[in-house]
Amino acid sequence: MKNAKETAEAAPAAGPIRIRIGGKEREFDIDNPALPDWIEDNKLTAGGYPYDKKMKSEDYDKELERLQIELVKAQAWLQATGKRVMALFEGRDAAGKGGTIFVLRQYMNPRTARNVALTKPTPPELGQWYYQRYVNHFPTSGEFVTFDRSWYNRAGVEPVMGFCTSQQHEKFLDETPHFERMICNEGIHFFKFWLNIGRETQLERFHDRRWSPLKNWKFSPIDIAGINKWDDYTRARDLMVERTHKEFAPWIIVRANDKRRARLAVIQRILLSLPYAGRDLDVIGKEDKKIVGEGPSFLEK
């Protein structure tokens, strides 16, 4: 078995890169185990995040447990009524999608609460209608399904990294609201979450992945290639939200520099939207409008 140093060194190498951030040119070397001070000092407040301290772990643990009890009640309601829930989780690399999905589903019955995290399309899938491989995983009666990335790959990573044509991108932006209207008309409770993080936040998380013997499997060549494409991803995100944010299928924007607050905000929004039996609004509480909102106006510029 490899030791921690050997495992960390097995992660993909990148070398120093120049980054312009906050009006200054910075150097960032993912292969240097020392995190630069300019990242350490701004990793929480990056992108205009409204809090300068993380939520205390004891407060988070207490609130999370209360909300997870409500989720168990919501799942029982789904099974009793046959209602369906589908939630998409999107965001930049290292935004916290996987961790949020984990705590959301942690105490739900896995037989009827599934997570979908698809790999790149197979040759047969490349010949299908673009949405087809996702539709195959839609919820049946009583199910709660989460997507760790979704068809919105065609609005983000694919156009930015050159994995689709401009015509395919435009067609997607035009057709997706019609596709999602059908989902909502079908009676599925449908959520689209964008977990929004600042640039120094992302760099700190990349650095943590690179040097963690437990997390370096998450760090990929796509992460390296995307470090200098921050502005390209921002433009793609803004266009995506502008074109696909609809009243019937809104983009729920969660400022996610603090993973604890973000996870609670996601669970709150879902619970407040489902009319399940025994719902306790006092336990769920009110949304923190500093970190959760909807549509283009809530994105930092």
Protein backbone atom coordinates (compact mmCIF):
# COMPACT_ATOMS: atom_id res chain seq x y z
CA MET A 1 0.00 0.00 0.00
CA LYS A 2 1.35 3.43 -0.95
CA ASN A 3 2.05 5.95 1.78
CA ALA A 4 0.35 9.35 1.76
CA LYS A 5 3.26 11.09 0.06
CA GLU A 6 3.46 8.52 -2.73
CA THR A 7 -0.31 8.67 -3.23
CA ALA A 8 -0.34 12.46 -3.38
CA GLU A 9 2.56 12.48 -5.82
CA ALA A 10 0.57 10.13 -8.05
CA ALA A 11 -1.94 12.90 -8.75
CA PRO A 12 -1.61 14.64 -12.14
CA ALA A 13 1.09 17.29 -12.28
CA ALA A 14 0.45 20.78 -13.63
CA GLY A 15 3.30 23.17 -12.76
CA PRO A 16 3.07 26.91 -12.01
CA ILE A 17 0.45 28.96 -13.83
CA ARG A 18 -0.23 32.68 -13.94
CA ILE A 19 -3.70 33.80 -12.85
CA ARG A 20 -5.18 37.29 -12.93
CA ILE A 21 -7.52 37.65 -9.99
CA GLY A 22 -8.76 40.69 -8.11
CA GLY A 23 -6.90 42.96 -10.52
CA LYS A 24 -3.55 41.33 -9.70
CA GLU A 25 -1.51 38.70 -11.47
CA ARG A 26 -0.79 35.74 -9.21
CA GLU A 27 1.22 32.55 -9.51
CA PHE A 28 -0.35 29.28 -8.45
CA ASP A 29 1.45 25.94 -8.40
CA ILE A 30 -0.84 23.02 -7.63
CA ASP A 31 2.25 20.84 -7.18
CA ASN A 32 3.57 22.97 -4.32
CA PRO A 33 2.21 21.59 -1.02
CA ALA A 34 2.22 25.09 0.51
CA LEU A 35 -1.01 26.99 -0.14
CA PRO A 36 -0.33 30.66 -1.05
CA ASP A 37 -1.41 33.25 1.51
CA TRP A 38 -3.57 35.11 -1.03
CA ILE A 39 -5.70 31.98 -1.39
CA GLU A 40 -5.75 31.13 2.31
CA ASP A 41 -6.82 34.66 3.24
CA ASN A 42 -9.68 34.81 0.72
CA LYS A 43 -10.93 31.25 0.40
CA LEU A 44 -14.14 31.93 2.35
CA THR A 45 -14.95 35.51 1.30
CA ALA A 46 -14.08 35.05 -2.40
CA GLY A 47 -16.67 36.27 -4.90
CA GLY A 48 -18.41 38.48 -2.36
CA TYR A 49 -19.44 35.72 0.02
CA PRO A 50 -21.38 37.40 2.87
CA TYR A 51 -19.78 35.56 5.81
CA ASP A 52 -16.19 35.76 7.01
CA LYS A 53 -16.41 32.72 9.30
CA LYS A 54 -17.63 29.19 8.64
CA MET A 55 -20.71 27.98 10.47
CA LYS A 56 -19.68 26.30 13.71
CA SER A 57 -19.60 22.53 13.40
CA GLU A 58 -21.73 21.95 16.49
CA ASP A 59 -24.45 24.29 15.17
CA TYR A 60 -24.27 22.65 11.76
CA ASP A 61 -24.50 19.11 13.13
CA LYS A 62 -27.53 19.97 15.25
CA GLU A 63 -29.37 21.71 12.42
CA LEU A 64 -28.48 19.03 9.90
CA GLU A 65 -29.91 16.26 12.05
CA ARG A 66 -33.19 18.14 12.47
CA LEU A 67 -33.48 18.63 8.72
CA GLN A 68 -32.54 15.03 7.96
CA ILE A 69 -35.39 13.85 10.17
CA GLU A 70 -37.70 15.97 8.03
CA LEU A 71 -36.23 14.38 4.90
CA VAL A 72 -37.09 10.92 6.24
CA LYS A 73 -40.67 12.13 6.74
CA ALA A 74 -40.71 13.55 3.22
CA GLN A 75 -39.54 10.24 1.78
CA ALA A 76 -42.30 8.37 3.63
CA TRP A 77 -44.79 10.78 2.05
CA LEU A 78 -43.35 10.10 -1.42
CA GLN A 79 -43.73 6.36 -0.91
CA ALA A 80 -47.27 6.72 0.44
CA THR A 81 -48.47 9.03 -2.33
CA GLY A 82 -46.36 7.98 -5.32
CA LYS A 83 -45.08 11.52 -5.77
CA ARG A 84 -41.67 11.97 -7.41
CA VAL A 85 -38.72 14.28 -6.79
CA MET A 86 -35.79 15.02 -9.07
CA ALA A 87 -32.97 17.40 -8.13
CA LEU A 88 -30.08 18.44 -10.37
CA PHE A 89 -26.83 19.61 -8.82
CA GLU A 90 -24.60 21.78 -10.96
CA GLY A 91 -21.67 24.07 -10.29
CA ARG A 92 -18.01 24.53 -11.04
CA ASP A 93 -15.56 21.76 -10.25
CA ALA A 94 -15.11 21.45 -6.46
CA ALA A 95 -18.32 23.39 -5.72
CA GLY A 96 -19.45 20.74 -3.22
CA LYS A 97 -22.07 18.88 -5.25
CA GLY A 98 -21.14 15.40 -4.08
CA GLY A 99 -20.98 16.29 -0.40
CA THR A 100 -24.33 18.06 -0.56
CA ILE A 101 -25.95 15.05 -2.22
CA PHE A 102 -24.42 12.77 0.40
CA VAL A 103 -25.94 14.57 3.41
CA LEU A 104 -29.24 14.96 1.55
CA ARG A 105 -29.54 11.20 1.04
CA GLN A 106 -27.62 10.04 4.12
CA TYR A 107 -30.60 8.68 6.09
CA MET A 108 -33.05 8.13 3.26
CA ASN A 109 -33.95 4.61 2.17
CA PRO A 110 -31.53 3.91 -0.73
CA ARG A 111 -34.08 1.64 -2.40
CA THR A 112 -36.14 4.66 -3.40
CA ALA A 113 -33.55 7.46 -3.13
CA ARG A 114 -31.04 7.16 -5.96
CA ASN A 115 -28.11 9.27 -7.09
CA VAL A 116 -27.16 9.43 -10.76
CA ALA A 117 -23.59 10.35 -11.70
CA LEU A 118 -23.02 9.37 -15.31
CA THR A 119 -19.63 8.91 -16.95
CA LYS A 120 -18.89 10.21 -20.44
CA PRO A 121 -21.29 8.93 -23.12
CA THR A 122 -20.69 5.52 -24.61
CA PRO A 123 -20.56 5.14 -28.44
CA PRO A 124 -24.24 4.01 -28.56
CA GLU A 125 -25.27 6.95 -26.34
CA LEU A 126 -23.49 9.38 -28.65
CA GLY A 127 -25.91 8.31 -31.36
CA GLN A 128 -29.00 8.88 -29.21
CA TRP A 129 -31.18 11.92 -28.62
CA TYR A 130 -29.04 14.04 -26.30
CA TYR A 131 -31.41 13.83 -23.29
CA GLN A 132 -32.11 10.11 -23.69
CA ARG A 133 -29.47 8.69 -21.37
CA TYR A 134 -30.67 11.00 -18.59
CA VAL A 135 -34.36 10.21 -19.09
CA ASN A 136 -33.55 6.55 -18.51
CA HIS A 137 -32.76 7.46 -14.88
CA PHE A 138 -35.83 9.60 -14.13
CA PRO A 139 -37.78 8.72 -10.97
CA THR A 140 -40.63 6.26 -10.92
CA SER A 141 -43.51 6.37 -8.44
CA GLY A 142 -42.32 7.25 -4.92
CA GLU A 143 -38.70 7.89 -5.85
CA PHE A 144 -36.29 10.69 -4.92
CA VAL A 145 -33.55 11.02 -7.54
CA THR A 146 -30.53 13.32 -7.50
CA PHE A 147 -28.23 14.04 -10.44
CA ASP A 148 -24.57 14.84 -9.74
CA ARG A 149 -24.22 16.80 -12.98
CA SER A 150 -26.85 16.38 -15.65
CA TRP A 151 -27.80 17.36 -19.18
CA TYR A 152 -26.40 20.78 -18.31
CA ASN A 153 -22.95 19.46 -19.21
CA ARG A 154 -23.87 20.77 -22.64
CA ALA A 155 -24.17 24.29 -21.26
CA GLY A 156 -20.89 24.24 -19.29
CA VAL A 157 -17.98 21.88 -19.65
CA GLU A 158 -18.83 20.78 -23.20
CA PRO A 159 -18.75 24.19 -24.92
CA VAL A 160 -15.90 25.48 -22.73
CA MET A 161 -13.66 22.47 -23.36
CA GLY A 162 -14.68 22.02 -26.98
CA PHE A 163 -16.64 18.78 -26.50
CA CYS A 164 -19.63 20.04 -28.52
CA THR A 165 -20.18 22.41 -31.42
CA SER A 166 -21.58 25.92 -31.10
CA GLN A 167 -24.66 24.70 -32.97
CA GLN A 168 -25.20 21.88 -30.48
CA HIS A 169 -24.78 24.34 -27.61
CA GLU A 170 -27.31 26.78 -29.05
CA LYS A 171 -29.79 23.98 -29.80
CA PHE A 172 -29.50 22.82 -26.19
CA LEU A 173 -30.19 26.28 -24.77
CA ASP A 174 -33.21 26.61 -27.05
CA GLU A 175 -34.72 23.18 -26.41
CA THR A 176 -34.03 22.62 -22.71
CA PRO A 177 -36.84 24.84 -21.34
CA HIS A 178 -39.31 22.86 -23.45
CA PHE A 179 -37.84 19.59 -22.19
CA GLU A 180 -38.08 20.75 -18.57
CA ARG A 181 -41.64 21.98 -19.01
CA MET A 182 -42.57 18.40 -19.88
CA ILE A 183 -40.90 17.21 -16.66
CA CYS A 184 -42.90 19.68 -14.58
CA ASN A 185 -46.14 18.96 -16.47
CA GLU A 186 -45.60 15.30 -15.64
CA GLY A 187 -45.98 16.24 -11.96
CA ILE A 188 -42.39 15.63 -10.92
CA HIS A 189 -41.15 17.97 -8.17
CA PHE A 190 -38.16 19.38 -10.05
CA PHE A 191 -35.20 21.28 -8.60
CA LYS A 192 -32.15 22.80 -10.30
CA PHE A 193 -29.37 23.83 -7.92
CA TRP A 194 -26.32 25.83 -8.95
CA LEU A 195 -23.68 25.78 -6.18
CA ASN A 196 -21.73 29.00 -6.65
CA ILE A 197 -18.17 29.39 -5.33
CA GLY A 198 -15.46 32.04 -5.55
CA ARG A 199 -12.21 31.57 -7.42
CA GLU A 200 -9.92 31.37 -4.39
CA THR A 201 -12.39 28.91 -2.87
CA GLN A 202 -12.05 26.65 -5.90
CA LEU A 203 -8.26 26.89 -5.94
CA GLU A 204 -8.05 25.98 -2.24
CA ARG A 205 -10.28 22.94 -2.82
CA PHE A 206 -8.23 21.86 -5.84
CA HIS A 207 -5.08 22.17 -3.76
CA ASP A 208 -6.64 20.16 -0.96
CA ARG A 209 -7.61 17.42 -3.41
CA ARG A 210 -4.15 17.37 -4.97
CA TRP A 211 -2.44 16.79 -1.63
CA SER A 212 -4.98 14.64 0.21
CA PRO A 213 -4.34 10.88 0.14
CA LEU A 214 -8.11 10.42 0.55
CA LYS A 215 -9.30 12.90 -2.07
CA ASN A 216 -6.69 13.01 -4.84
CA TRP A 217 -8.77 10.63 -6.96
CA LYS A 218 -11.14 13.58 -7.41
CA PHE A 219 -8.43 15.71 -9.03
CA SER A 220 -8.39 15.23 -12.79
CA PRO A 221 -6.77 16.60 -15.94
CA ILE A 222 -10.03 18.45 -16.62
CA ASP A 223 -9.56 20.31 -13.33
CA ILE A 224 -6.07 21.35 -14.40
CA ALA A 225 -7.22 22.40 -17.86
CA GLY A 226 -10.07 24.41 -16.36
CA ILE A 227 -8.02 26.47 -13.90
CA ASN A 228 -7.29 29.14 -16.50
CA LYS A 229 -10.79 28.96 -18.00
CA TRP A 230 -12.58 30.61 -15.08
CA ASP A 231 -13.90 33.48 -17.22
CA ASP A 232 -15.01 31.09 -19.96
CA TYR A 233 -16.96 29.05 -17.43
CA THR A 234 -18.45 32.24 -15.99
CA ARG A 235 -19.73 33.32 -19.40
CA ALA A 236 -21.14 29.84 -20.06
CA ARG A 237 -22.84 29.79 -16.65
CA ASP A 238 -24.38 33.22 -17.10
CA LEU A 239 -25.73 32.35 -20.54
CA MET A 240 -27.09 29.03 -19.25
CA VAL A 241 -28.94 30.64 -16.36
CA GLU A 242 -30.24 33.49 -18.52
CA ARG A 243 -31.65 31.13 -21.15
CA THR A 244 -32.94 28.26 -18.99
CA HIS A 245 -34.18 30.00 -15.81
CA LYS A 246 -37.95 29.76 -16.01
CA GLU A 247 -40.75 30.27 -13.52
CA PHE A 248 -41.74 26.60 -13.82
CA ALA A 249 -38.09 25.41 -13.55
CA PRO A 250 -36.05 28.10 -11.79
CA TRP A 251 -32.34 28.01 -11.14
CA ILE A 252 -31.81 27.97 -7.38
CA ILE A 253 -28.49 29.67 -6.72
CA VAL A 254 -26.70 28.72 -3.50
CA ARG A 255 -23.55 30.59 -2.51
CA ALA A 256 -21.45 27.66 -1.41
CA ASN A 257 -18.07 28.91 -0.16
CA ASP A 258 -19.13 27.55 3.24
CA LYS A 259 -20.17 23.98 2.54
CA ARG A 260 -22.09 23.70 5.81
CA ARG A 261 -24.39 26.63 5.14
CA ALA A 262 -24.83 25.52 1.52
CA ARG A 263 -25.91 22.01 2.45
CA LEU A 264 -28.47 23.27 4.92
CA ALA A 265 -29.79 25.79 2.37
CA VAL A 266 -30.33 23.07 -0.24
CA ILE A 267 -32.19 20.81 2.18
CA GLN A 268 -34.33 23.70 3.42
CA ARG A 269 -35.38 24.64 -0.11
CA ILE A 270 -36.45 21.09 -0.90
CA LEU A 271 -38.37 20.65 2.34
CA LEU A 272 -40.11 24.02 2.03
CA SER A 273 -41.24 23.05 -1.48
CA LEU A 274 -42.75 19.64 -0.68
CA PRO A 275 -46.20 19.46 1.00
CA TYR A 276 -45.40 16.26 2.88
CA ALA A 277 -47.37 14.97 5.84
CA GLY A 278 -46.10 16.17 9.22
CA ARG A 279 -43.93 18.95 7.82
CA ASP A 280 -42.60 21.08 10.69
CA LEU A 281 -41.94 24.59 9.39
CA ASP A 282 -40.47 25.68 12.72
CA VAL A 283 -37.84 22.95 12.45
CA ILE A 284 -37.09 23.73 8.80
CA GLY A 285 -36.74 27.44 9.52
CA LYS A 286 -36.47 30.35 7.12
CA GLU A 287 -34.08 30.50 4.21
CA ASP A 288 -30.90 32.56 4.53
CA LYS A 289 -31.47 35.08 1.74
CA LYS A 290 -27.79 36.08 1.91
CA ILE A 291 -26.79 32.77 0.35
CA VAL A 292 -29.84 31.40 -1.50
CA GLY A 293 -31.79 33.04 -4.30
CA GLU A 294 -32.98 32.47 -7.85
CA GLY A 295 -31.95 33.33 -11.36
CA PRO A 296 -29.38 35.62 -13.01
CA SER A 297 -29.76 38.49 -10.57
CA PHE A 298 -28.41 36.39 -7.70
CA LEU A 299 -25.15 35.48 -9.44
CA GLU A 300 -22.11 37.55 -8.53
CA LYS A 301 -20.60 39.45 -11.42
